[in-house]
Amino acid sequence: MTHDRRPNLLFVFADQLGASRLGYGGDSAARTPVLDRFARQGVCFRQCVSNMPVCAAFRASLFTGTYTTTHGMVINELRLHPNQRCLGHVLGEAGYESAYVGKWHLFANELGHHFEPRNSFVPRGPHRLGFDGFWAAYNFHHLNFKGYYHTESAEKRFYGDGVYEPDAQTEILCGWLRQPERQQRPFAAFLSWGAPHDPWEDDNVPETWRRRFDPADFPHPPNDRETPDPYADRGWHLLSAAERDRLPLWRRNYAAMTANLDWNFGRLLEALERSGLAANTIVVFTSDHGEMFGAHGRRAKNIFYEEAARVPCLLRWPDHAPAGLVSDACLSSVDLMPTLLGLLGLPIPAAVEGADLSHCALGRPGPEPEMALLQNTGAVAKWEDGYEWRALRDSRWTYAVYRVDGRELLFDRVADPWQRDDLAGKAMYRETLLRFRAALARRLGELRDGFEASSYYRDNWTDGNRCIVGSASRDFGPPVPPEPV
């Protein structure tokens, strides 16, 4: 018998998995029976979005409960400043045993040098952001068949020849859940899969899963266009002619990766069930962002369109979260931390900017955000001015504005789910446009978000590739020196 009746937490998130790429999300080509069933067993937050749809910004918001322009991860490949009160700190202080398995992506030291130990290994201490328990993680790579992780040293631990990384990561956490010690104190376990992130070439995807899909089943979507988006970062978001020809193959391999994650999620749920702890465990499944795959003339992420911004968010807590509940609350990345802490009955740090939506997860009435704010503070892995935008999204509308020329966009996603008809210049929608324009100005003012150019953050917020400040209104302290490896 456990000495503490507080619920456990099992938090699982994929990388680059959009909500619309799952069976329950409407993709008829997807094969995700476990997640489809899981969506019926608990709460589905079907409006959930990533506040800045890139890996590092999402992770920083997840752990701090703050926006990109507050926590400082304004671009990928930075080292997050550790002098912030994070989710792991609150969990540890409450007596939770922690486990973190998989991709971390908050500890870069030199831009692009992902595979060097000084970037790959996150030493025990402040840069683990309070995750002081079991550790089997790495900072960044997407080598699905040549993957590795670290525990308490810079030595790379390889999964083995021919071993697919998500399979191995799932088994690591399943093994941890099976240990008798899990019965003794509440736990908070995080599993961060690197799939279904690219590369989507055949040699990075298990053949047994690829064979279940045919590229012919993955044609271009209705909002596909051959002409590139003029606001897309030329170094990252545009498709060459050769890449465009490979899109059906890539979509097939993406679906194969997703089907494999579905199977692995089932393995994890089974291990939890066999441990006898499922009834007292909150299980969450989500993702950091989605993938454009040619929609609107783009690839990758870091854009306000649905394919990139909307992510799955499923939560199951037997006898507490109503089975089959579908919520239209405007939940976003910054709300995950306070919502989890609210469900666990733990204090929410004063610096948190997200909302505690635990009442929504429990099927109870209460205040909800009117809209979700989305931000883009720079190109994914480069400091390039000219692509910055801000956006607001509610359960019907998406409003966005680009910094470079002030162009506004407005989409009615109920009437136009593929976001093909920009209504910003149409007179009959002027009132809606002005309402969102005013709401965005208020929200940016509240957050002291100056809608700066990407290079502003490069020049003022970083020292090398380390984040040294987290907003225009506060300084986290002196630069953090790199730890010896």
Protein backbone atom coordinates (compact mmCIF):
# COMPACT_ATOMS: atom_id res chain seq x y z
CA MET A 1 0.00 0.00 0.00
CA THR A 2 1.26 3.46 -0.81
CA HIS A 3 1.91 5.85 2.03
CA ASP A 4 0.47 8.74 0.02
CA ARG A 5 -2.86 8.82 -1.81
CA ARG A 6 -1.92 11.68 -4.09
CA PRO A 7 -2.29 10.73 -7.78
CA ASN A 8 0.67 9.77 -9.91
CA LEU A 9 1.39 11.52 -13.20
CA LEU A 10 2.39 9.85 -16.47
CA PHE A 11 3.01 12.47 -19.15
CA VAL A 12 3.77 11.29 -22.70
CA PHE A 13 4.50 13.59 -25.62
CA ALA A 14 5.48 13.06 -29.23
CA ASP A 15 7.51 15.36 -31.46
CA GLN A 16 5.86 16.99 -34.48
CA LEU A 17 2.56 15.10 -34.20
CA GLY A 18 -0.42 17.24 -35.18
CA ALA A 19 -3.88 16.57 -33.79
CA SER A 20 -5.35 16.03 -37.26
CA ARG A 21 -2.90 13.18 -37.98
CA LEU A 22 -4.67 10.76 -35.62
CA GLY A 23 -7.70 8.57 -36.20
CA TYR A 24 -9.85 10.24 -33.56
CA GLY A 25 -8.68 13.60 -34.98
CA GLY A 26 -10.21 12.83 -38.36
CA ASP A 27 -7.39 11.24 -40.38
CA SER A 28 -8.95 8.25 -42.13
CA ALA A 29 -5.52 6.94 -43.18
CA ALA A 30 -4.16 6.88 -39.61
CA ARG A 31 -4.01 3.65 -37.64
CA THR A 32 -4.11 4.71 -34.02
CA PRO A 33 -6.57 2.39 -32.23
CA VAL A 34 -4.96 2.80 -28.80
CA LEU A 35 -5.09 6.60 -28.85
CA ASP A 36 -8.58 6.54 -30.38
CA ARG A 37 -9.75 4.38 -27.49
CA PHE A 38 -7.82 6.47 -24.97
CA ALA A 39 -9.60 9.59 -26.25
CA ARG A 40 -12.89 7.94 -25.28
CA GLN A 41 -11.63 6.98 -21.83
CA GLY A 42 -11.00 10.52 -20.62
CA VAL A 43 -11.00 14.14 -21.74
CA CYS A 44 -10.07 15.40 -25.20
CA PHE A 45 -9.03 19.07 -25.34
CA ARG A 46 -9.69 19.42 -29.04
CA GLN A 47 -8.70 23.10 -29.27
CA CYS A 48 -5.24 22.63 -27.72
CA VAL A 49 -2.45 24.55 -29.46
CA SER A 50 1.26 25.04 -29.07
CA ASN A 51 1.94 28.69 -28.19
CA MET A 52 5.10 28.68 -30.32
CA PRO A 53 5.01 25.59 -32.54
CA VAL A 54 8.67 24.55 -32.28
CA CYS A 55 10.32 21.98 -30.03
CA ALA A 56 12.34 24.00 -27.51
CA ALA A 57 9.79 26.79 -27.04
CA PHE A 58 7.04 24.27 -26.31
CA ARG A 59 9.17 22.39 -23.79
CA ALA A 60 10.13 25.57 -22.00
CA SER A 61 6.47 26.61 -21.76
CA LEU A 62 5.51 23.14 -20.56
CA PHE A 63 7.96 23.27 -17.67
CA THR A 64 7.64 26.97 -16.74
CA GLY A 65 4.00 27.74 -17.53
CA THR A 66 5.14 30.94 -19.24
CA TYR A 67 5.22 32.29 -22.77
CA THR A 68 8.22 32.30 -25.09
CA THR A 69 8.85 36.01 -24.53
CA THR A 70 9.04 35.37 -20.79
CA HIS A 71 11.01 32.12 -20.44
CA GLY A 72 13.52 33.15 -23.10
CA MET A 73 13.58 30.12 -25.44
CA VAL A 74 12.86 32.36 -28.40
CA ILE A 75 14.41 29.97 -30.91
CA ASN A 76 15.58 26.36 -31.00
CA GLU A 77 19.13 25.44 -29.96
CA LEU A 78 19.40 27.64 -26.88
CA ARG A 79 20.16 26.66 -23.31
CA LEU A 80 17.23 27.56 -21.07
CA HIS A 81 18.20 29.72 -18.11
CA PRO A 82 17.63 27.49 -15.05
CA ASN A 83 16.78 30.26 -12.58
CA GLN A 84 13.07 29.73 -13.12
CA ARG A 85 10.63 27.87 -10.91
CA CYS A 86 9.60 24.88 -12.98
CA LEU A 87 7.17 21.99 -12.88
CA GLY A 88 9.88 19.58 -11.74
CA HIS A 89 10.73 21.77 -8.75
CA VAL A 90 7.15 21.80 -7.48
CA LEU A 91 6.78 18.05 -7.98
CA GLY A 92 10.02 17.30 -6.17
CA GLU A 93 9.18 19.55 -3.23
CA ALA A 94 5.87 17.71 -2.87
CA GLY A 95 7.66 14.37 -2.57
CA TYR A 96 7.12 13.06 -6.09
CA GLU A 97 9.65 10.63 -7.51
CA SER A 98 10.51 11.81 -11.01
CA ALA A 99 11.54 10.04 -14.19
CA TYR A 100 12.45 11.60 -17.52
CA VAL A 101 13.06 9.46 -20.62
CA GLY A 102 13.80 10.74 -24.14
CA LYS A 103 14.43 14.05 -25.86
CA TRP A 104 15.11 17.14 -23.70
CA HIS A 105 16.13 19.91 -26.18
CA LEU A 106 16.72 22.64 -23.61
CA PHE A 107 20.49 22.38 -23.18
CA ALA A 108 22.22 23.49 -26.37
CA ASN A 109 25.71 24.96 -25.96
CA GLU A 110 26.85 25.56 -29.52
CA LEU A 111 24.40 26.04 -32.35
CA GLY A 112 24.06 22.92 -34.44
CA HIS A 113 26.59 20.77 -32.58
CA HIS A 114 23.89 18.43 -31.35
CA PHE A 115 25.87 15.25 -31.09
CA GLU A 116 28.77 16.42 -28.97
CA PRO A 117 28.61 15.32 -25.31
CA ARG A 118 28.64 18.90 -24.07
CA ASN A 119 25.31 19.41 -25.84
CA SER A 120 23.89 15.91 -25.57
CA PHE A 121 24.44 15.18 -21.88
CA VAL A 122 22.49 17.20 -19.32
CA PRO A 123 24.36 16.86 -16.00
CA ARG A 124 22.54 16.44 -12.74
CA GLY A 125 21.88 19.86 -11.28
CA PRO A 126 19.99 23.05 -12.12
CA HIS A 127 19.69 22.40 -15.86
CA ARG A 128 17.44 19.39 -15.23
CA LEU A 129 14.87 21.87 -13.94
CA GLY A 130 13.93 19.82 -10.89
CA PHE A 131 13.88 16.38 -12.51
CA ASP A 132 16.23 14.89 -9.94
CA GLY A 133 15.12 11.26 -10.15
CA PHE A 134 15.57 8.65 -12.88
CA TRP A 135 17.15 10.09 -16.04
CA ALA A 136 17.57 8.38 -19.43
CA ALA A 137 17.63 11.30 -21.83
CA TYR A 138 19.58 13.29 -24.40
CA ASN A 139 19.39 16.84 -25.58
CA PHE A 140 18.72 16.38 -29.30
CA HIS A 141 18.94 13.92 -32.17
CA HIS A 142 16.58 12.12 -34.50
CA LEU A 143 18.65 9.02 -35.22
CA ASN A 144 15.90 6.48 -34.79
CA PHE A 145 18.11 3.45 -35.42
CA LYS A 146 21.37 4.86 -34.10
CA GLY A 147 19.96 6.57 -31.05
CA TYR A 148 21.53 6.96 -27.66
CA TYR A 149 20.85 8.52 -24.29
CA HIS A 150 22.68 9.47 -21.10
CA THR A 151 22.10 8.70 -17.46
CA GLU A 152 24.62 10.25 -15.07
CA SER A 153 27.63 10.67 -17.33
CA ALA A 154 28.58 11.98 -20.74
CA GLU A 155 29.00 8.39 -21.94
CA LYS A 156 26.53 7.66 -24.71
CA ARG A 157 24.37 4.61 -24.08
CA PHE A 158 23.23 3.10 -27.37
CA TYR A 159 20.03 1.09 -27.67
CA GLY A 160 21.64 -1.52 -29.90
CA ASP A 161 21.88 -2.48 -33.55
CA GLY A 162 18.55 -2.39 -35.33
CA VAL A 163 16.64 -1.20 -32.26
CA TYR A 164 14.04 1.47 -33.00
CA GLU A 165 14.38 4.29 -30.48
CA PRO A 166 10.71 4.72 -29.41
CA ASP A 167 10.51 0.96 -28.74
CA ALA A 168 13.57 1.12 -26.51
CA GLN A 169 12.48 4.30 -24.72
CA THR A 170 9.07 2.82 -23.98
CA GLU A 171 10.66 -0.34 -22.59
CA ILE A 172 12.95 1.74 -20.35
CA LEU A 173 9.99 3.51 -18.80
CA CYS A 174 7.91 0.32 -18.61
CA GLY A 175 10.77 -1.26 -16.67
CA TRP A 176 10.85 1.71 -14.30
CA LEU A 177 7.10 1.43 -13.73
CA ARG A 178 7.45 -2.26 -12.87
CA GLN A 179 9.86 -1.63 -10.02
CA PRO A 180 8.41 -2.25 -6.53
CA GLU A 181 9.53 1.22 -5.43
CA ARG A 182 6.71 2.74 -7.52
CA GLN A 183 4.32 1.52 -4.83
CA GLN A 184 6.02 3.52 -2.10
CA ARG A 185 5.59 7.17 -3.13
CA PRO A 186 3.81 9.15 -5.82
CA PHE A 187 5.64 9.50 -9.11
CA ALA A 188 5.75 11.89 -12.05
CA ALA A 189 7.11 10.18 -15.16
CA PHE A 190 7.72 11.94 -18.49
CA LEU A 191 8.32 10.15 -21.79
CA SER A 192 9.42 12.35 -24.69
CA TRP A 193 9.47 10.49 -28.01
CA GLY A 194 11.46 11.97 -30.92
CA ALA A 195 9.07 10.50 -33.54
CA PRO A 196 7.30 11.24 -35.83
CA HIS A 197 9.78 14.08 -36.47
CA ASP A 198 11.74 13.97 -39.72
CA PRO A 199 13.83 12.56 -41.36
CA TRP A 200 11.10 10.44 -42.97
CA GLU A 201 13.34 8.42 -45.25
CA ASP A 202 12.84 4.68 -45.30
CA ASP A 203 16.00 3.92 -43.35
CA ASN A 204 14.72 5.93 -40.36
CA VAL A 205 11.39 4.08 -40.10
CA PRO A 206 10.78 0.42 -39.12
CA GLU A 207 10.10 -1.67 -42.21
CA THR A 208 7.38 -3.69 -40.48
CA TRP A 209 5.41 -0.50 -39.90
CA ARG A 210 6.12 1.00 -43.33
CA ARG A 211 4.67 -2.06 -45.02
CA ARG A 212 1.29 -1.34 -43.49
CA PHE A 213 0.88 1.84 -45.53
CA ASP A 214 0.91 2.77 -49.20
CA PRO A 215 2.14 6.22 -50.35
CA ALA A 216 -0.84 6.36 -52.69
CA ASP A 217 -3.08 6.77 -49.64
CA PHE A 218 -1.47 10.11 -48.77
CA PRO A 219 -2.28 12.63 -51.54
CA HIS A 220 -1.84 16.38 -51.24
CA PRO A 221 -4.44 18.04 -48.97
CA PRO A 222 -7.05 20.54 -50.20
CA ASN A 223 -4.96 23.49 -48.98
CA ASP A 224 -1.82 22.33 -50.76
CA ARG A 225 -0.26 24.81 -53.14
CA GLU A 226 2.80 24.66 -55.35
CA THR A 227 3.64 28.33 -55.02
CA PRO A 228 5.64 29.00 -51.85
CA ASP A 229 4.30 31.07 -48.98
CA PRO A 230 6.07 34.47 -49.33
CA TYR A 231 6.26 34.72 -45.53
CA ALA A 232 8.00 31.38 -45.09
CA ASP A 233 11.60 31.23 -43.89
CA ARG A 234 13.59 30.34 -47.01
CA GLY A 235 16.06 28.18 -45.13
CA TRP A 236 13.57 25.96 -43.39
CA HIS A 237 9.91 26.07 -44.35
CA LEU A 238 9.95 25.91 -48.14
CA LEU A 239 9.80 22.79 -50.27
CA SER A 240 12.05 22.18 -53.25
CA ALA A 241 10.54 20.48 -56.29
CA ALA A 242 12.29 17.24 -55.32
CA GLU A 243 10.95 17.43 -51.76
CA ARG A 244 7.46 18.11 -53.01
CA ASP A 245 7.58 14.93 -55.09
CA ARG A 246 8.50 12.98 -51.96
CA LEU A 247 5.63 14.27 -49.85
CA PRO A 248 3.36 11.20 -50.29
CA LEU A 249 6.26 8.94 -49.24
CA TRP A 250 7.06 11.16 -46.28
CA ARG A 251 3.42 11.23 -45.21
CA ARG A 252 3.35 7.44 -45.38
CA ASN A 253 6.44 7.11 -43.21
CA TYR A 254 5.09 9.73 -40.81
CA ALA A 255 1.91 7.65 -40.48
CA ALA A 256 4.02 4.53 -39.90
CA MET A 257 5.94 6.29 -37.13
CA THR A 258 2.67 7.46 -35.61
CA ALA A 259 1.18 3.97 -35.71
CA ASN A 260 4.27 2.68 -33.93
CA LEU A 261 3.88 5.33 -31.21
CA ASP A 262 0.26 4.27 -30.81
CA TRP A 263 1.42 0.68 -30.24
CA ASN A 264 4.07 1.81 -27.78
CA PHE A 265 1.56 3.93 -25.91
CA GLY A 266 -0.51 0.78 -25.53
CA ARG A 267 2.50 -1.03 -24.09
CA LEU A 268 2.97 1.76 -21.59
CA LEU A 269 -0.67 1.70 -20.51
CA GLU A 270 -0.47 -2.06 -20.08
CA ALA A 271 2.62 -1.76 -17.88
CA LEU A 272 0.83 0.84 -15.79
CA GLU A 273 -2.20 -1.42 -15.48
CA ARG A 274 -0.07 -4.39 -14.44
CA SER A 275 1.60 -2.26 -11.77
CA GLY A 276 -1.77 -1.82 -10.08
CA LEU A 277 -1.40 1.97 -10.17
CA ALA A 278 -3.55 2.88 -13.17
CA ALA A 279 -6.60 3.85 -11.11
CA ASN A 280 -4.58 6.47 -9.22
CA THR A 281 -2.56 7.82 -12.17
CA ILE A 282 -3.29 10.83 -14.34
CA VAL A 283 -2.15 9.96 -17.86
CA VAL A 284 -1.64 12.74 -20.42
CA PHE A 285 -0.80 12.41 -24.12
CA THR A 286 0.14 15.43 -26.21
CA SER A 287 2.75 16.76 -28.67
CA ASP A 288 4.96 19.83 -29.03
CA HIS A 289 3.64 20.89 -32.46
CA GLY A 290 2.54 19.49 -35.80
CA GLU A 291 3.87 19.36 -39.37
CA MET A 292 2.72 21.29 -42.47
CA PHE A 293 3.62 18.70 -45.16
CA GLY A 294 3.02 21.12 -48.03
CA ALA A 295 -0.12 22.83 -46.72
CA HIS A 296 -0.15 26.54 -47.65
CA GLY A 297 3.10 26.01 -49.56
CA ARG A 298 5.04 25.19 -46.38
CA ARG A 299 6.80 22.36 -44.64
CA ALA A 300 7.85 21.95 -40.98
CA LYS A 301 6.27 24.07 -38.23
CA ASN A 302 6.48 27.49 -36.48
CA ILE A 303 3.32 28.86 -38.07
CA PHE A 304 -0.22 29.58 -36.86
CA TYR A 305 -1.96 27.29 -39.35
CA GLU A 306 -3.79 24.32 -37.85
CA GLU A 307 -1.45 21.65 -39.21
CA ALA A 308 1.44 23.09 -37.19
CA ALA A 309 -0.24 24.70 -34.19
CA ARG A 310 -3.00 22.32 -33.07
CA VAL A 311 -1.83 19.32 -31.08
CA PRO A 312 -3.48 16.34 -29.42
CA CYS A 313 -4.20 16.74 -25.72
CA LEU A 314 -5.80 13.75 -24.02
CA LEU A 315 -6.12 13.23 -20.28
CA ARG A 316 -7.36 10.18 -18.38
CA TRP A 317 -7.93 9.96 -14.64
CA PRO A 318 -10.31 7.14 -13.71
CA ASP A 319 -13.28 8.17 -11.54
CA HIS A 320 -12.26 11.85 -11.78
CA ALA A 321 -12.04 13.00 -15.41
CA PRO A 322 -15.30 12.10 -17.18
CA ALA A 323 -14.85 9.47 -19.87
CA GLY A 324 -15.67 10.72 -23.34
CA LEU A 325 -15.66 14.41 -22.42
CA VAL A 326 -14.70 16.73 -25.28
CA SER A 327 -13.64 20.20 -24.18
CA ASP A 328 -13.47 23.29 -26.37
CA ALA A 329 -11.50 25.25 -23.77
CA CYS A 330 -8.76 27.31 -25.42
CA LEU A 331 -5.98 25.40 -23.69
CA SER A 332 -2.41 25.95 -24.85
CA SER A 333 1.13 25.00 -23.84
CA VAL A 334 1.37 27.53 -21.01
CA ASP A 335 -1.75 26.07 -19.40
CA LEU A 336 -0.40 22.53 -19.09
CA MET A 337 1.79 23.17 -16.03
CA PRO A 338 -0.84 24.98 -13.92
CA THR A 339 -3.53 22.51 -14.98
CA LEU A 340 -1.44 19.53 -13.94
CA LEU A 341 -0.55 21.15 -10.63
CA GLY A 342 -4.21 21.98 -10.09
CA LEU A 343 -5.19 18.34 -10.62
CA LEU A 344 -2.45 17.20 -8.24
CA GLY A 345 -3.46 19.73 -5.61
CA LEU A 346 -0.03 21.40 -5.64
CA PRO A 347 0.83 25.11 -5.51
CA ILE A 348 1.17 27.02 -8.76
CA PRO A 349 4.21 29.35 -8.89
CA ALA A 350 3.38 33.03 -8.95
CA ALA A 351 5.31 33.61 -12.20
CA VAL A 352 3.08 31.22 -14.18
CA GLU A 353 1.23 32.95 -17.01
CA GLY A 354 -0.99 30.06 -18.05
CA ALA A 355 -4.40 29.19 -16.63
CA ASP A 356 -5.31 26.35 -14.29
CA LEU A 357 -7.93 24.49 -16.33
CA SER A 358 -8.13 21.49 -14.01
CA HIS A 359 -11.86 22.15 -13.60
CA CYS A 360 -12.29 21.60 -17.35
CA ALA A 361 -10.51 18.26 -17.07
CA LEU A 362 -12.88 17.29 -14.25
CA GLY A 363 -15.97 18.35 -16.20
CA ARG A 364 -16.73 21.27 -13.92
CA PRO A 365 -17.64 24.87 -14.80
CA GLY A 366 -15.14 27.64 -14.30
CA PRO A 367 -13.21 30.42 -16.02
CA GLU A 368 -11.51 29.68 -19.33
CA PRO A 369 -9.19 31.67 -21.59
CA GLU A 370 -11.15 33.56 -24.21
CA MET A 371 -8.38 32.98 -26.74
CA ALA A 372 -4.97 31.34 -27.00
CA LEU A 373 -1.97 33.49 -27.90
CA LEU A 374 0.56 32.15 -30.40
CA GLN A 375 4.00 33.65 -30.99
CA ASN A 376 6.84 33.34 -33.45
CA THR A 377 9.97 35.15 -32.29
CA GLY A 378 12.33 33.88 -34.99
CA ALA A 379 13.27 31.20 -37.45
CA VAL A 380 13.56 27.68 -36.07
CA ALA A 381 17.34 27.40 -35.84
CA LYS A 382 18.61 30.67 -37.31
CA TRP A 383 18.42 34.33 -36.35
CA GLU A 384 16.54 35.65 -39.39
CA ASP A 385 14.41 38.80 -39.30
CA GLY A 386 11.29 39.12 -41.41
CA TYR A 387 9.27 36.02 -40.46
CA GLU A 388 7.98 37.01 -37.01
CA TRP A 389 4.24 36.89 -36.32
CA ARG A 390 1.70 36.89 -33.49
CA ALA A 391 -1.72 35.22 -33.51
CA LEU A 392 -4.86 34.66 -31.46
CA ARG A 393 -7.04 31.58 -31.74
CA ASP A 394 -10.39 30.75 -30.20
CA SER A 395 -12.72 27.83 -30.88
CA ARG A 396 -13.78 29.35 -34.22
CA TRP A 397 -11.39 32.06 -35.44
CA THR A 398 -7.68 32.36 -36.12
CA TYR A 399 -6.27 35.88 -36.37
CA ALA A 400 -2.61 36.56 -37.21
CA VAL A 401 -0.35 39.47 -38.09
CA TYR A 402 3.16 39.55 -39.57
CA ARG A 403 5.72 41.96 -38.17
CA VAL A 404 7.56 42.65 -41.42
CA ASP A 405 4.71 44.50 -43.15
CA GLY A 406 1.77 44.39 -40.75
CA ARG A 407 -0.27 42.05 -42.92
CA GLU A 408 -3.25 40.62 -41.04
CA LEU A 409 -5.03 37.33 -41.69
CA LEU A 410 -8.39 36.10 -40.40
CA PHE A 411 -9.83 32.62 -40.83
CA ASP A 412 -13.21 31.18 -39.86
CA ARG A 413 -12.20 27.58 -39.19
CA VAL A 414 -15.80 26.40 -38.81
CA ALA A 415 -16.76 27.50 -42.31
CA ASP A 416 -13.25 27.03 -43.71
CA PRO A 417 -11.37 24.28 -41.81
CA TRP A 418 -8.53 24.24 -44.35
CA GLN A 419 -7.95 27.99 -43.84
CA ARG A 420 -8.01 28.83 -47.54
CA ASP A 421 -10.16 31.97 -47.39
CA ASP A 422 -8.45 34.93 -45.72
CA LEU A 423 -11.25 37.20 -44.48
CA ALA A 424 -9.10 40.04 -43.14
CA GLY A 425 -9.79 42.35 -46.08
CA LYS A 426 -13.52 41.71 -46.35
CA ALA A 427 -15.82 44.44 -45.07
CA MET A 428 -18.40 42.13 -43.49
CA TYR A 429 -15.71 40.75 -41.13
CA ARG A 430 -14.32 44.14 -40.15
CA GLU A 431 -15.83 44.04 -36.66
CA THR A 432 -14.33 40.61 -35.96
CA LEU A 433 -10.96 41.77 -37.25
CA LEU A 434 -10.98 44.85 -35.01
CA ARG A 435 -11.99 42.76 -32.01
CA PHE A 436 -9.04 40.43 -32.46
CA ARG A 437 -6.65 43.29 -33.25
CA ALA A 438 -7.58 45.01 -29.98
CA ALA A 439 -7.40 41.75 -28.02
CA LEU A 440 -3.91 41.05 -29.35
CA ALA A 441 -2.70 44.52 -28.41
CA ARG A 442 -4.02 44.04 -24.86
CA ARG A 443 -2.44 40.61 -24.50
CA LEU A 444 0.97 41.69 -25.77
CA GLY A 445 0.85 44.63 -23.41
CA GLU A 446 0.04 42.39 -20.45
CA LEU A 447 3.01 40.15 -21.27
CA ARG A 448 5.34 43.04 -22.17
CA ASP A 449 5.84 41.38 -25.52
CA GLY A 450 7.28 44.08 -27.77
CA PHE A 451 6.81 42.02 -30.98
CA GLU A 452 10.54 42.39 -31.59
CA ALA A 453 12.60 41.21 -34.53
CA SER A 454 14.43 37.92 -34.17
CA SER A 455 17.82 39.64 -34.07
CA TYR A 456 16.72 41.68 -31.03
CA TYR A 457 16.68 38.51 -28.94
CA ARG A 458 19.96 37.37 -30.41
CA ASP A 459 21.63 40.64 -29.48
CA ASN A 460 20.02 41.19 -26.08
CA TRP A 461 18.85 37.90 -24.62
CA THR A 462 21.69 35.46 -25.21
CA ASP A 463 25.33 34.95 -24.37
CA GLY A 464 26.66 32.63 -27.02
CA ASN A 465 23.81 30.11 -27.16
CA ARG A 466 22.70 30.46 -23.57
CA CYS A 467 19.55 32.31 -22.61
CA ILE A 468 20.47 34.91 -20.01
CA VAL A 469 17.22 36.85 -19.64
CA GLY A 470 13.61 35.86 -19.83
CA SER A 471 11.68 39.03 -20.49
CA ALA A 472 12.14 42.72 -21.03
CA SER A 473 10.96 43.29 -17.46
CA ARG A 474 13.13 40.88 -15.52
CA ASP A 475 16.66 39.53 -15.49
CA PHE A 476 17.22 35.98 -14.33
CA GLY A 477 20.73 36.76 -13.19
CA PRO A 478 24.22 36.44 -14.60
CA PRO A 479 25.01 34.09 -17.50
CA VAL A 480 25.24 30.46 -16.48
CA PRO A 481 28.67 28.98 -17.25
CA PRO A 482 28.74 25.60 -18.98
CA GLU A 483 29.28 22.68 -16.68
CA PRO A 484 32.37 20.51 -17.21
CA VAL A 485 31.76 17.27 -19.06
